Amino acid sequence: MSILAFILFGLVIGLLARAIMPGRQSMGLVATALVGMAGSLIGGLIGNLISGDSIAHLRGAGIIGSILGTLFLLFLMGYAGRHRRALT
């Protein structure tokens, strides 16, 4: 997969995950794309460990795994943000 396609895929996955995740995530398109790309890598690596398939193949389960990985990252970011604000 080319770099540009991966960035676009990360942006789409990040936007989908932000639409699914309840609450307000205040981040721009670049941060959304970065979170989507990182979540896609996490979801792809976990899917690769389970199925033994290549991480580069685009399948429906890989897209779902990418969204779940991004939702997990958004949850962690929200959790860390709430605790950081509570401490200050």
PDB file of N, CA and C in Angstrom:
ATOM      1  N   MET A   1       0.855  -1.161   0.000  1.00  0.00           N
ATOM      2  CA  MET A   1       0.000   0.000   0.000  1.00  0.00           C
ATOM      3  C   MET A   1       0.911   1.236   0.000  1.00  0.00           C
ATOM      4  N   SER A   2       0.579   2.176  -0.825  1.00  0.00           N
ATOM      5  CA  SER A   2       1.410   3.370  -0.884  1.00  0.00           C
ATOM      6  C   SER A   2       1.175   4.246   0.344  1.00  0.00           C
ATOM      7  N   ILE A   3       2.094   5.155   0.579  1.00  0.00           N
ATOM      8  CA  ILE A   3       2.015   6.036   1.744  1.00  0.00           C
ATOM      9  C   ILE A   3       0.774   6.920   1.669  1.00  0.00           C
ATOM     10  N   LEU A   4       0.491   7.462   0.489  1.00  0.00           N
ATOM     11  CA  LEU A   4      -0.671   8.337   0.326  1.00  0.00           C
ATOM     12  C   LEU A   4      -1.972   7.589   0.591  1.00  0.00           C
ATOM     13  N   ALA A   5      -2.072   6.355   0.106  1.00  0.00           N
ATOM     14  CA  ALA A   5      -3.261   5.555   0.350  1.00  0.00           C
ATOM     15  C   ALA A   5      -3.405   5.236   1.844  1.00  0.00           C
ATOM     16  N   PHE A   6      -2.284   4.981   2.515  1.00  0.00           N
ATOM     17  CA  PHE A   6      -2.327   4.690   3.949  1.00  0.00           C
ATOM     18  C   PHE A   6      -2.774   5.919   4.743  1.00  0.00           C
ATOM     19  N   ILE A   7      -2.315   7.109   4.337  1.00  0.00           N
ATOM     20  CA  ILE A   7      -2.737   8.338   5.005  1.00  0.00           C
ATOM     21  C   ILE A   7      -4.236   8.566   4.794  1.00  0.00           C
ATOM     22  N   LEU A   8      -4.708   8.375   3.562  1.00  0.00           N
ATOM     23  CA  LEU A   8      -6.127   8.542   3.271  1.00  0.00           C
ATOM     24  C   LEU A   8      -6.964   7.506   4.021  1.00  0.00           C
ATOM     25  N   PHE A   9      -6.496   6.263   4.065  1.00  0.00           N
ATOM     26  CA  PHE A   9      -7.189   5.219   4.800  1.00  0.00           C
ATOM     27  C   PHE A   9      -7.243   5.565   6.292  1.00  0.00           C
ATOM     28  N   GLY A  10      -6.144   6.069   6.843  1.00  0.00           N
ATOM     29  CA  GLY A  10      -6.108   6.467   8.249  1.00  0.00           C
ATOM     30  C   GLY A  10      -7.073   7.599   8.535  1.00  0.00           C
ATOM     31  N   LEU A  11      -7.188   8.551   7.604  1.00  0.00           N
ATOM     32  CA  LEU A  11      -8.131   9.655   7.784  1.00  0.00           C
ATOM     33  C   LEU A  11      -9.567   9.151   7.795  1.00  0.00           C
ATOM     34  N   VAL A  12      -9.909   8.275   6.866  1.00  0.00           N
ATOM     35  CA  VAL A  12     -11.272   7.738   6.806  1.00  0.00           C
ATOM     36  C   VAL A  12     -11.577   6.918   8.055  1.00  0.00           C
ATOM     37  N   ILE A  13     -10.658   6.068   8.458  1.00  0.00           N
ATOM     38  CA  ILE A  13     -10.858   5.249   9.654  1.00  0.00           C
ATOM     39  C   ILE A  13     -10.949   6.134  10.892  1.00  0.00           C
ATOM     40  N   GLY A  14     -10.116   7.153  10.972  1.00  0.00           N
ATOM     41  CA  GLY A  14     -10.160   8.074  12.102  1.00  0.00           C
ATOM     42  C   GLY A  14     -11.481   8.828  12.174  1.00  0.00           C
ATOM     43  N   LEU A  15     -11.987   9.265  11.020  1.00  0.00           N
ATOM     44  CA  LEU A  15     -13.282   9.957  11.000  1.00  0.00           C
ATOM     45  C   LEU A  15     -14.420   9.029  11.400  1.00  0.00           C
ATOM     46  N   LEU A  16     -14.382   7.785  10.919  1.00  0.00           N
ATOM     47  CA  LEU A  16     -15.414   6.813  11.308  1.00  0.00           C
ATOM     48  C   LEU A  16     -15.371   6.525  12.804  1.00  0.00           C
ATOM     49  N   ALA A  17     -14.179   6.339  13.335  1.00  0.00           N
ATOM     50  CA  ALA A  17     -14.048   6.046  14.765  1.00  0.00           C
ATOM     51  C   ALA A  17     -14.493   7.234  15.610  1.00  0.00           C
ATOM     52  N   ARG A  18     -14.165   8.452  15.174  1.00  0.00           N
ATOM     53  CA  ARG A  18     -14.606   9.638  15.919  1.00  0.00           C
ATOM     54  C   ARG A  18     -16.118   9.791  15.871  1.00  0.00           C
ATOM     55  N   ALA A  19     -16.749   9.369  14.770  1.00  0.00           N
ATOM     56  CA  ALA A  19     -18.207   9.427  14.670  1.00  0.00           C
ATOM     57  C   ALA A  19     -18.862   8.395  15.580  1.00  0.00           C
ATOM     58  N   ILE A  20     -18.214   7.255  15.763  1.00  0.00           N
ATOM     59  CA  ILE A  20     -18.769   6.188  16.607  1.00  0.00           C
ATOM     60  C   ILE A  20     -18.545   6.498  18.083  1.00  0.00           C
ATOM     61  N   MET A  21     -17.378   7.038  18.412  1.00  0.00           N
ATOM     62  CA  MET A  21     -17.007   7.277  19.814  1.00  0.00           C
ATOM     63  C   MET A  21     -17.876   8.377  20.418  1.00  0.00           C
ATOM     64  N   PRO A  22     -18.522   8.103  21.557  1.00  0.00           N
ATOM     65  CA  PRO A  22     -19.323   9.156  22.191  1.00  0.00           C
ATOM     66  C   PRO A  22     -18.433  10.232  22.803  1.00  0.00           C
ATOM     67  N   GLY A  23     -18.968  11.410  22.905  1.00  0.00           N
ATOM     68  CA  GLY A  23     -18.214  12.510  23.487  1.00  0.00           C
ATOM     69  C   GLY A  23     -17.581  13.371  22.412  1.00  0.00           C
ATOM     70  N   ARG A  24     -16.868  14.362  22.879  1.00  0.00           N
ATOM     71  CA  ARG A  24     -16.251  15.327  21.972  1.00  0.00           C
ATOM     72  C   ARG A  24     -14.747  15.077  21.924  1.00  0.00           C
ATOM     73  N   GLN A  25     -14.226  14.889  20.731  1.00  0.00           N
ATOM     74  CA  GLN A  25     -12.789  14.769  20.528  1.00  0.00           C
ATOM     75  C   GLN A  25     -12.355  16.011  19.762  1.00  0.00           C
ATOM     76  N   SER A  26     -11.644  16.865  20.424  1.00  0.00           N
ATOM     77  CA  SER A  26     -11.223  18.110  19.782  1.00  0.00           C
ATOM     78  C   SER A  26      -9.853  17.911  19.146  1.00  0.00           C
ATOM     79  N   MET A  27      -9.863  17.534  17.869  1.00  0.00           N
ATOM     80  CA  MET A  27      -8.624  17.359  17.115  1.00  0.00           C
ATOM     81  C   MET A  27      -8.910  17.677  15.653  1.00  0.00           C
ATOM     82  N   GLY A  28      -7.872  18.081  14.956  1.00  0.00           N
ATOM     83  CA  GLY A  28      -8.000  18.428  13.555  1.00  0.00           C
ATOM     84  C   GLY A  28      -7.879  17.214  12.652  1.00  0.00           C
ATOM     85  N   LEU A  29      -7.847  17.488  11.352  1.00  0.00           N
ATOM     86  CA  LEU A  29      -7.775  16.402  10.378  1.00  0.00           C
ATOM     87  C   LEU A  29      -6.439  15.672  10.426  1.00  0.00           C
ATOM     88  N   VAL A  30      -5.362  16.389  10.687  1.00  0.00           N
ATOM     89  CA  VAL A  30      -4.043  15.739  10.748  1.00  0.00           C
ATOM     90  C   VAL A  30      -3.985  14.786  11.936  1.00  0.00           C
ATOM     91  N   ALA A  31      -4.456  15.232  13.093  1.00  0.00           N
ATOM     92  CA  ALA A  31      -4.462  14.365  14.278  1.00  0.00           C
ATOM     93  C   ALA A  31      -5.412  13.189  14.071  1.00  0.00           C
ATOM     94  N   THR A  32      -6.537  13.425  13.406  1.00  0.00           N
ATOM     95  CA  THR A  32      -7.471  12.342  13.117  1.00  0.00           C
ATOM     96  C   THR A  32      -6.822  11.303  12.215  1.00  0.00           C
ATOM     97  N   ALA A  33      -6.092  11.759  11.198  1.00  0.00           N
ATOM     98  CA  ALA A  33      -5.411  10.830  10.301  1.00  0.00           C
ATOM     99  C   ALA A  33      -4.323  10.054  11.044  1.00  0.00           C
ATOM    100  N   LEU A  34      -3.584  10.726  11.916  1.00  0.00           N
ATOM    101  CA  LEU A  34      -2.521  10.050  12.674  1.00  0.00           C
ATOM    102  C   LEU A  34      -3.093   8.998  13.616  1.00  0.00           C
ATOM    103  N   VAL A  35      -4.187   9.337  14.294  1.00  0.00           N
ATOM    104  CA  VAL A  35      -4.825   8.365  15.192  1.00  0.00           C
ATOM    105  C   VAL A  35      -5.399   7.212  14.380  1.00  0.00           C
ATOM    106  N   GLY A  36      -5.973   7.516  13.229  1.00  0.00           N
ATOM    107  CA  GLY A  36      -6.507   6.459  12.362  1.00  0.00           C
ATOM    108  C   GLY A  36      -5.422   5.539  11.842  1.00  0.00           C
ATOM    109  N   MET A  37      -4.273   6.099  11.481  1.00  0.00           N
ATOM    110  CA  MET A  37      -3.168   5.260  11.001  1.00  0.00           C
ATOM    111  C   MET A  37      -2.611   4.394  12.124  1.00  0.00           C
ATOM    112  N   ALA A  38      -2.450   4.972  13.318  1.00  0.00           N
ATOM    113  CA  ALA A  38      -1.932   4.189  14.449  1.00  0.00           C
ATOM    114  C   ALA A  38      -2.924   3.102  14.847  1.00  0.00           C
ATOM    115  N   GLY A  39      -4.203   3.443  14.880  1.00  0.00           N
ATOM    116  CA  GLY A  39      -5.226   2.443  15.201  1.00  0.00           C
ATOM    117  C   GLY A  39      -5.301   1.353  14.159  1.00  0.00           C
ATOM    118  N   SER A  40      -5.089   1.716  12.903  1.00  0.00           N
ATOM    119  CA  SER A  40      -5.074   0.731  11.834  1.00  0.00           C
ATOM    120  C   SER A  40      -3.911  -0.237  11.991  1.00  0.00           C
ATOM    121  N   LEU A  41      -2.763   0.289  12.389  1.00  0.00           N
ATOM    122  CA  LEU A  41      -1.615  -0.592  12.635  1.00  0.00           C
ATOM    123  C   LEU A  41      -1.874  -1.530  13.805  1.00  0.00           C
ATOM    124  N   ILE A  42      -2.441  -1.001  14.881  1.00  0.00           N
ATOM    125  CA  ILE A  42      -2.741  -1.832  16.051  1.00  0.00           C
ATOM    126  C   ILE A  42      -3.752  -2.916  15.687  1.00  0.00           C
ATOM    127  N   GLY A  43      -4.834  -2.512  15.035  1.00  0.00           N
ATOM    128  CA  GLY A  43      -5.857  -3.480  14.632  1.00  0.00           C
ATOM    129  C   GLY A  43      -5.319  -4.507  13.650  1.00  0.00           C
ATOM    130  N   GLY A  44      -4.477  -4.064  12.716  1.00  0.00           N
ATOM    131  CA  GLY A  44      -3.891  -4.984  11.750  1.00  0.00           C
ATOM    132  C   GLY A  44      -2.932  -5.970  12.382  1.00  0.00           C
ATOM    133  N   LEU A  45      -2.134  -5.500  13.341  1.00  0.00           N
ATOM    134  CA  LEU A  45      -1.194  -6.404  14.011  1.00  0.00           C
ATOM    135  C   LEU A  45      -1.915  -7.442  14.857  1.00  0.00           C
ATOM    136  N   ILE A  46      -2.967  -7.017  15.547  1.00  0.00           N
ATOM    137  CA  ILE A  46      -3.740  -7.978  16.346  1.00  0.00           C
ATOM    138  C   ILE A  46      -4.444  -8.982  15.434  1.00  0.00           C
ATOM    139  N   GLY A  47      -5.002  -8.486  14.327  1.00  0.00           N
ATOM    140  CA  GLY A  47      -5.636  -9.389  13.363  1.00  0.00           C
ATOM    141  C   GLY A  47      -4.652 -10.348  12.743  1.00  0.00           C
ATOM    142  N   ASN A  48      -3.429  -9.886  12.499  1.00  0.00           N
ATOM    143  CA  ASN A  48      -2.392 -10.733  11.952  1.00  0.00           C
ATOM    144  C   ASN A  48      -1.992 -11.818  12.943  1.00  0.00           C
ATOM    145  N   LEU A  49      -1.931 -11.481  14.214  1.00  0.00           N
ATOM    146  CA  LEU A  49      -1.601 -12.482  15.230  1.00  0.00           C
ATOM    147  C   LEU A  49      -2.687 -13.542  15.337  1.00  0.00           C
ATOM    148  N   ILE A  50      -3.940 -13.138  15.184  1.00  0.00           N
ATOM    149  CA  ILE A  50      -5.047 -14.085  15.303  1.00  0.00           C
ATOM    150  C   ILE A  50      -5.161 -14.974  14.063  1.00  0.00           C
ATOM    151  N   SER A  51      -5.133 -14.351  12.875  1.00  0.00           N
ATOM    152  CA  SER A  51      -5.405 -15.110  11.655  1.00  0.00           C
ATOM    153  C   SER A  51      -4.154 -15.618  10.946  1.00  0.00           C
ATOM    154  N   GLY A  52      -3.030 -14.983  11.146  1.00  0.00           N
ATOM    155  CA  GLY A  52      -1.811 -15.378  10.454  1.00  0.00           C
ATOM    156  C   GLY A  52      -1.733 -14.842   9.038  1.00  0.00           C
ATOM    157  N   ASP A  53      -2.716 -14.020   8.622  1.00  0.00           N
ATOM    158  CA  ASP A  53      -2.719 -13.409   7.296  1.00  0.00           C
ATOM    159  C   ASP A  53      -1.743 -12.253   7.225  1.00  0.00           C
ATOM    160  N   SER A  54      -1.495 -11.782   6.031  1.00  0.00           N
ATOM    161  CA  SER A  54      -0.624 -10.620   5.843  1.00  0.00           C
ATOM    162  C   SER A  54      -1.338  -9.351   6.282  1.00  0.00           C
ATOM    163  N   ILE A  55      -0.595  -8.419   6.838  1.00  0.00           N
ATOM    164  CA  ILE A  55      -1.171  -7.167   7.323  1.00  0.00           C
ATOM    165  C   ILE A  55      -1.542  -6.231   6.163  1.00  0.00           C
ATOM    166  N   ALA A  56      -0.971  -6.449   4.980  1.00  0.00           N
ATOM    167  CA  ALA A  56      -1.177  -5.544   3.853  1.00  0.00           C
ATOM    168  C   ALA A  56      -2.464  -5.822   3.077  1.00  0.00           C
ATOM    169  N   HIS A  57      -3.115  -6.949   3.296  1.00  0.00           N
ATOM    170  CA  HIS A  57      -4.342  -7.244   2.575  1.00  0.00           C
ATOM    171  C   HIS A  57      -5.506  -6.465   3.151  1.00  0.00           C
ATOM    172  N   LEU A  58      -6.302  -5.880   2.270  1.00  0.00           N
ATOM    173  CA  LEU A  58      -7.464  -5.099   2.693  1.00  0.00           C
ATOM    174  C   LEU A  58      -8.697  -5.990   2.634  1.00  0.00           C
ATOM    175  N   ARG A  59      -9.226  -6.309   3.791  1.00  0.00           N
ATOM    176  CA  ARG A  59     -10.418  -7.145   3.907  1.00  0.00           C
ATOM    177  C   ARG A  59     -11.398  -6.473   4.856  1.00  0.00           C
ATOM    178  N   GLY A  60     -12.616  -6.946   4.852  1.00  0.00           N
ATOM    179  CA  GLY A  60     -13.636  -6.389   5.736  1.00  0.00           C
ATOM    180  C   GLY A  60     -13.261  -6.511   7.206  1.00  0.00           C
ATOM    181  N   ALA A  61     -12.704  -7.656   7.567  1.00  0.00           N
ATOM    182  CA  ALA A  61     -12.285  -7.849   8.958  1.00  0.00           C
ATOM    183  C   ALA A  61     -11.141  -6.912   9.322  1.00  0.00           C
ATOM    184  N   GLY A  62     -10.294  -6.603   8.360  1.00  0.00           N
ATOM    185  CA  GLY A  62      -9.202  -5.669   8.618  1.00  0.00           C
ATOM    186  C   GLY A  62      -9.701  -4.256   8.842  1.00  0.00           C
ATOM    187  N   ILE A  63     -10.745  -3.877   8.116  1.00  0.00           N
ATOM    188  CA  ILE A  63     -11.329  -2.552   8.301  1.00  0.00           C
ATOM    189  C   ILE A  63     -11.986  -2.465   9.675  1.00  0.00           C
ATOM    190  N   ILE A  64     -12.694  -3.511  10.061  1.00  0.00           N
ATOM    191  CA  ILE A  64     -13.321  -3.529  11.388  1.00  0.00           C
ATOM    192  C   ILE A  64     -12.245  -3.508  12.473  1.00  0.00           C
ATOM    193  N   GLY A  65     -11.181  -4.273  12.287  1.00  0.00           N
ATOM    194  CA  GLY A  65     -10.074  -4.265  13.244  1.00  0.00           C
ATOM    195  C   GLY A  65      -9.400  -2.896  13.326  1.00  0.00           C
ATOM    196  N   SER A  66      -9.300  -2.211  12.200  1.00  0.00           N
ATOM    197  CA  SER A  66      -8.726  -0.867  12.190  1.00  0.00           C
ATOM    198  C   SER A  66      -9.593   0.109  12.969  1.00  0.00           C
ATOM    199  N   ILE A  67     -10.903   0.009  12.781  1.00  0.00           N
ATOM    200  CA  ILE A  67     -11.819   0.885  13.522  1.00  0.00           C
ATOM    201  C   ILE A  67     -11.757   0.582  15.009  1.00  0.00           C
ATOM    202  N   LEU A  68     -11.715  -0.705  15.367  1.00  0.00           N
ATOM    203  CA  LEU A  68     -11.632  -1.067  16.783  1.00  0.00           C
ATOM    204  C   LEU A  68     -10.317  -0.593  17.407  1.00  0.00           C
ATOM    205  N   GLY A  69      -9.217  -0.715  16.670  1.00  0.00           N
ATOM    206  CA  GLY A  69      -7.931  -0.223  17.168  1.00  0.00           C
ATOM    207  C   GLY A  69      -7.942   1.284  17.361  1.00  0.00           C
ATOM    208  N   THR A  70      -8.576   1.998  16.445  1.00  0.00           N
ATOM    209  CA  THR A  70      -8.663   3.450  16.562  1.00  0.00           C
ATOM    210  C   THR A  70      -9.581   3.849  17.706  1.00  0.00           C
ATOM    211  N   LEU A  71     -10.686   3.124  17.893  1.00  0.00           N
ATOM    212  CA  LEU A  71     -11.572   3.393  19.035  1.00  0.00           C
ATOM    213  C   LEU A  71     -10.829   3.180  20.349  1.00  0.00           C
ATOM    214  N   PHE A  72      -9.998   2.163  20.409  1.00  0.00           N
ATOM    215  CA  PHE A  72      -9.200   1.904  21.599  1.00  0.00           C
ATOM    216  C   PHE A  72      -8.242   3.062  21.874  1.00  0.00           C
ATOM    217  N   LEU A  73      -7.590   3.561  20.820  1.00  0.00           N
ATOM    218  CA  LEU A  73      -6.684   4.699  20.994  1.00  0.00           C
ATOM    219  C   LEU A  73      -7.435   5.958  21.426  1.00  0.00           C
ATOM    220  N   LEU A  74      -8.607   6.205  20.841  1.00  0.00           N
ATOM    221  CA  LEU A  74      -9.402   7.361  21.242  1.00  0.00           C
ATOM    222  C   LEU A  74      -9.837   7.250  22.698  1.00  0.00           C
ATOM    223  N   PHE A  75     -10.169   6.035  23.122  1.00  0.00           N
ATOM    224  CA  PHE A  75     -10.531   5.816  24.522  1.00  0.00           C
ATOM    225  C   PHE A  75      -9.356   6.127  25.437  1.00  0.00           C
ATOM    226  N   LEU A  76      -8.175   5.634  25.077  1.00  0.00           N
ATOM    227  CA  LEU A  76      -6.988   5.900  25.892  1.00  0.00           C
ATOM    228  C   LEU A  76      -6.658   7.385  25.926  1.00  0.00           C
ATOM    229  N   MET A  77      -6.799   8.064  24.797  1.00  0.00           N
ATOM    230  CA  MET A  77      -6.526   9.494  24.755  1.00  0.00           C
ATOM    231  C   MET A  77      -7.521  10.269  25.612  1.00  0.00           C
ATOM    232  N   GLY A  78      -8.788   9.887  25.578  1.00  0.00           N
ATOM    233  CA  GLY A  78      -9.793  10.540  26.403  1.00  0.00           C
ATOM    234  C   GLY A  78      -9.574  10.274  27.877  1.00  0.00           C
ATOM    235  N   TYR A  79      -9.191   9.038  28.208  1.00  0.00           N
ATOM    236  CA  TYR A  79      -8.936   8.671  29.599  1.00  0.00           C
ATOM    237  C   TYR A  79      -7.740   9.440  30.149  1.00  0.00           C
ATOM    238  N   ALA A  80      -6.669   9.514  29.362  1.00  0.00           N
ATOM    239  CA  ALA A  80      -5.481  10.238  29.804  1.00  0.00           C
ATOM    240  C   ALA A  80      -5.765  11.732  29.903  1.00  0.00           C
ATOM    241  N   GLY A  81      -6.566  12.268  28.997  1.00  0.00           N
ATOM    242  CA  GLY A  81      -6.892  13.686  29.028  1.00  0.00           C
ATOM    243  C   GLY A  81      -7.726  14.067  30.235  1.00  0.00           C
ATOM    244  N   ARG A  82      -8.669  13.189  30.601  1.00  0.00           N
ATOM    245  CA  ARG A  82      -9.495  13.469  31.785  1.00  0.00           C
ATOM    246  C   ARG A  82      -8.667  13.449  33.059  1.00  0.00           C
ATOM    247  N   HIS A  83      -7.762  12.494  33.174  1.00  0.00           N
ATOM    248  CA  HIS A  83      -6.942  12.404  34.388  1.00  0.00           C
ATOM    249  C   HIS A  83      -5.901  13.520  34.441  1.00  0.00           C
ATOM    250  N   ARG A  84      -5.420  13.954  33.310  1.00  0.00           N
ATOM    251  CA  ARG A  84      -4.455  15.044  33.296  1.00  0.00           C
ATOM    252  C   ARG A  84      -5.134  16.349  33.734  1.00  0.00           C
ATOM    253  N   ARG A  85      -6.357  16.569  33.263  1.00  0.00           N
ATOM    254  CA  ARG A  85      -7.088  17.786  33.650  1.00  0.00           C
ATOM    255  C   ARG A  85      -7.470  17.768  35.116  1.00  0.00           C
ATOM    256  N   ALA A  86      -7.728  16.577  35.662  1.00  0.00           N
ATOM    257  CA  ALA A  86      -8.119  16.471  37.070  1.00  0.00           C
ATOM    258  C   ALA A  86      -6.931  16.771  37.993  1.00  0.00           C
ATOM    259  N   LEU A  87      -5.725  16.499  37.535  1.00  0.00           N
ATOM    260  CA  LEU A  87      -4.555  16.720  38.358  1.00  0.00           C
ATOM    261  C   LEU A  87      -4.125  18.182  38.396  1.00  0.00           C
ATOM    262  N   THR A  88      -4.480  18.949  37.373  1.00  0.00           N
ATOM    263  CA  THR A  88      -4.049  20.345  37.346  1.00  0.00           C
ATOM    264  C   THR A  88      -5.068  21.284  37.922  1.00  0.00           C
TER     265      THR A  88
END
